[in-house]
Amino acid sequence: MSEKDSGAHAAHIHGVIDRIEDNDMAVILVGDDEETQIDLPVALLPEGATDGDHLRLTITIDAASRAGAEDRIRQLQEELLNRSKK
């Protein structure tokens, strides 16, 4: 279903826009067999994308975002601990 780019740790997935529903949700068939369906807001598609267009979806892990979220959670936990000690 996906090709792995070992250098960038990315998954590249083939997709086809099957249809657009209510002008705001795209139904995309993904994978080499195009049997898995995902729904995606049209606003997230490239400008001008329409029914029948083939897409290449690239998924990567955002380590910096995760680290930032972990820091925020750790900070909130410390604040809660300090409140309970008062």
C-alpha atoms as a PDB file:
ATOM      1  CA  MET A   1       0.000   0.000   0.000  1.00  0.00           C
ATOM      2  CA  SER A   2       2.819   2.429   0.667  1.00  0.00           C
ATOM      3  CA  GLU A   3       6.380   2.994  -0.346  1.00  0.00           C
ATOM      4  CA  LYS A   4       8.794   3.819   2.462  1.00  0.00           C
ATOM      5  CA  ASP A   5      11.430   6.506   2.004  1.00  0.00           C
ATOM      6  CA  SER A   6      13.960   5.322   4.574  1.00  0.00           C
ATOM      7  CA  GLY A   7      15.912   8.580   4.448  1.00  0.00           C
ATOM      8  CA  ALA A   8      13.015  10.813   5.443  1.00  0.00           C
ATOM      9  CA  HIS A   9      10.942   8.168   7.249  1.00  0.00           C
ATOM     10  CA  ALA A  10       7.933   9.049   5.129  1.00  0.00           C
ATOM     11  CA  ALA A  11       5.104   6.945   3.780  1.00  0.00           C
ATOM     12  CA  HIS A  12       4.006   7.836   0.252  1.00  0.00           C
ATOM     13  CA  ILE A  13       0.485   6.668  -0.501  1.00  0.00           C
ATOM     14  CA  HIS A  14      -1.346   6.678  -3.842  1.00  0.00           C
ATOM     15  CA  GLY A  15      -4.866   8.109  -3.771  1.00  0.00           C
ATOM     16  CA  VAL A  16      -7.684   8.963  -6.181  1.00  0.00           C
ATOM     17  CA  ILE A  17     -10.447  11.469  -5.530  1.00  0.00           C
ATOM     18  CA  ASP A  18     -13.538   9.308  -6.026  1.00  0.00           C
ATOM     19  CA  ARG A  19     -16.014  12.106  -5.461  1.00  0.00           C
ATOM     20  CA  ILE A  20     -16.678  15.347  -3.620  1.00  0.00           C
ATOM     21  CA  GLU A  21     -19.730  15.431  -1.387  1.00  0.00           C
ATOM     22  CA  ASP A  22     -21.646  18.600  -0.491  1.00  0.00           C
ATOM     23  CA  ASN A  23     -18.792  20.707  -1.944  1.00  0.00           C
ATOM     24  CA  ASP A  24     -16.798  20.302   1.240  1.00  0.00           C
ATOM     25  CA  MET A  25     -15.780  16.658   1.747  1.00  0.00           C
ATOM     26  CA  ALA A  26     -13.615  14.633  -0.636  1.00  0.00           C
ATOM     27  CA  VAL A  27     -13.897  10.853  -0.674  1.00  0.00           C
ATOM     28  CA  ILE A  28     -10.431   9.527  -1.497  1.00  0.00           C
ATOM     29  CA  LEU A  29      -9.628   5.911  -2.328  1.00  0.00           C
ATOM     30  CA  VAL A  30      -6.099   5.127  -1.148  1.00  0.00           C
ATOM     31  CA  GLY A  31      -3.532   2.408  -1.612  1.00  0.00           C
ATOM     32  CA  ASP A  32      -2.389   0.551  -4.683  1.00  0.00           C
ATOM     33  CA  ASP A  33      -5.712  -1.335  -4.736  1.00  0.00           C
ATOM     34  CA  GLU A  34      -7.758   1.837  -4.084  1.00  0.00           C
ATOM     35  CA  GLU A  35      -9.982  -0.115  -1.699  1.00  0.00           C
ATOM     36  CA  THR A  36      -9.485   1.935   1.465  1.00  0.00           C
ATOM     37  CA  GLN A  37     -11.617   5.066   1.722  1.00  0.00           C
ATOM     38  CA  ILE A  38     -10.741   8.218   3.637  1.00  0.00           C
ATOM     39  CA  ASP A  39     -12.761  11.421   3.867  1.00  0.00           C
ATOM     40  CA  LEU A  40     -10.865  14.684   3.774  1.00  0.00           C
ATOM     41  CA  PRO A  41     -12.106  18.265   3.808  1.00  0.00           C
ATOM     42  CA  VAL A  42     -11.808  19.793   0.334  1.00  0.00           C
ATOM     43  CA  ALA A  43      -9.998  22.752   1.931  1.00  0.00           C
ATOM     44  CA  LEU A  44      -7.022  20.448   2.594  1.00  0.00           C
ATOM     45  CA  LEU A  45      -6.696  19.396  -1.061  1.00  0.00           C
ATOM     46  CA  PRO A  46      -4.494  21.186  -3.601  1.00  0.00           C
ATOM     47  CA  GLU A  47      -6.305  24.068  -5.305  1.00  0.00           C
ATOM     48  CA  GLY A  48      -8.286  22.874  -8.306  1.00  0.00           C
ATOM     49  CA  ALA A  49      -8.345  19.195  -7.276  1.00  0.00           C
ATOM     50  CA  THR A  50     -11.494  17.462  -8.475  1.00  0.00           C
ATOM     51  CA  ASP A  51     -13.117  14.064  -9.053  1.00  0.00           C
ATOM     52  CA  GLY A  52     -10.785  11.602 -10.740  1.00  0.00           C
ATOM     53  CA  ASP A  53      -7.557  13.388  -9.837  1.00  0.00           C
ATOM     54  CA  HIS A  54      -4.730  11.146  -8.641  1.00  0.00           C
ATOM     55  CA  LEU A  55      -2.892  12.211  -5.513  1.00  0.00           C
ATOM     56  CA  ARG A  56       0.298  11.295  -3.720  1.00  0.00           C
ATOM     57  CA  LEU A  57      -0.167  11.599   0.021  1.00  0.00           C
ATOM     58  CA  THR A  58       2.993  11.880   2.094  1.00  0.00           C
ATOM     59  CA  ILE A  59       2.817  11.121   5.800  1.00  0.00           C
ATOM     60  CA  THR A  60       5.716  11.905   8.111  1.00  0.00           C
ATOM     61  CA  ILE A  61       6.202  11.920  11.853  1.00  0.00           C
ATOM     62  CA  ASP A  62       6.463  15.426  13.305  1.00  0.00           C
ATOM     63  CA  ALA A  63       8.916  14.882  16.160  1.00  0.00           C
ATOM     64  CA  ALA A  64       9.212  18.594  16.951  1.00  0.00           C
ATOM     65  CA  SER A  65       5.451  18.942  17.392  1.00  0.00           C
ATOM     66  CA  ARG A  66       5.356  15.882  19.640  1.00  0.00           C
ATOM     67  CA  ALA A  67       8.219  17.197  21.766  1.00  0.00           C
ATOM     68  CA  GLY A  68       6.428  20.534  22.143  1.00  0.00           C
ATOM     69  CA  ALA A  69       3.193  18.805  23.207  1.00  0.00           C
ATOM     70  CA  GLU A  70       5.085  16.655  25.728  1.00  0.00           C
ATOM     71  CA  ASP A  71       6.715  19.781  27.180  1.00  0.00           C
ATOM     72  CA  ARG A  72       3.345  21.525  27.519  1.00  0.00           C
ATOM     73  CA  ILE A  73       1.830  18.470  29.225  1.00  0.00           C
ATOM     74  CA  ARG A  74       4.793  18.149  31.581  1.00  0.00           C
ATOM     75  CA  GLN A  75       4.467  21.838  32.474  1.00  0.00           C
ATOM     76  CA  LEU A  76       0.724  21.492  33.159  1.00  0.00           C
ATOM     77  CA  GLN A  77       1.349  18.426  35.325  1.00  0.00           C
ATOM     78  CA  GLU A  78       3.918  20.337  37.362  1.00  0.00           C
ATOM     79  CA  GLU A  79       1.482  23.241  37.806  1.00  0.00           C
ATOM     80  CA  LEU A  80      -1.215  20.842  39.030  1.00  0.00           C
ATOM     81  CA  LEU A  81       1.217  19.185  41.445  1.00  0.00           C
ATOM     82  CA  ASN A  82       2.253  22.573  42.823  1.00  0.00           C
ATOM     83  CA  ARG A  83      -1.396  23.596  43.300  1.00  0.00           C
ATOM     84  CA  SER A  84      -2.168  20.446  45.237  1.00  0.00           C
ATOM     85  CA  LYS A  85       0.784  21.068  47.584  1.00  0.00           C
ATOM     86  CA  LYS A  86      -0.591  24.464  48.674  1.00  0.00           C
END
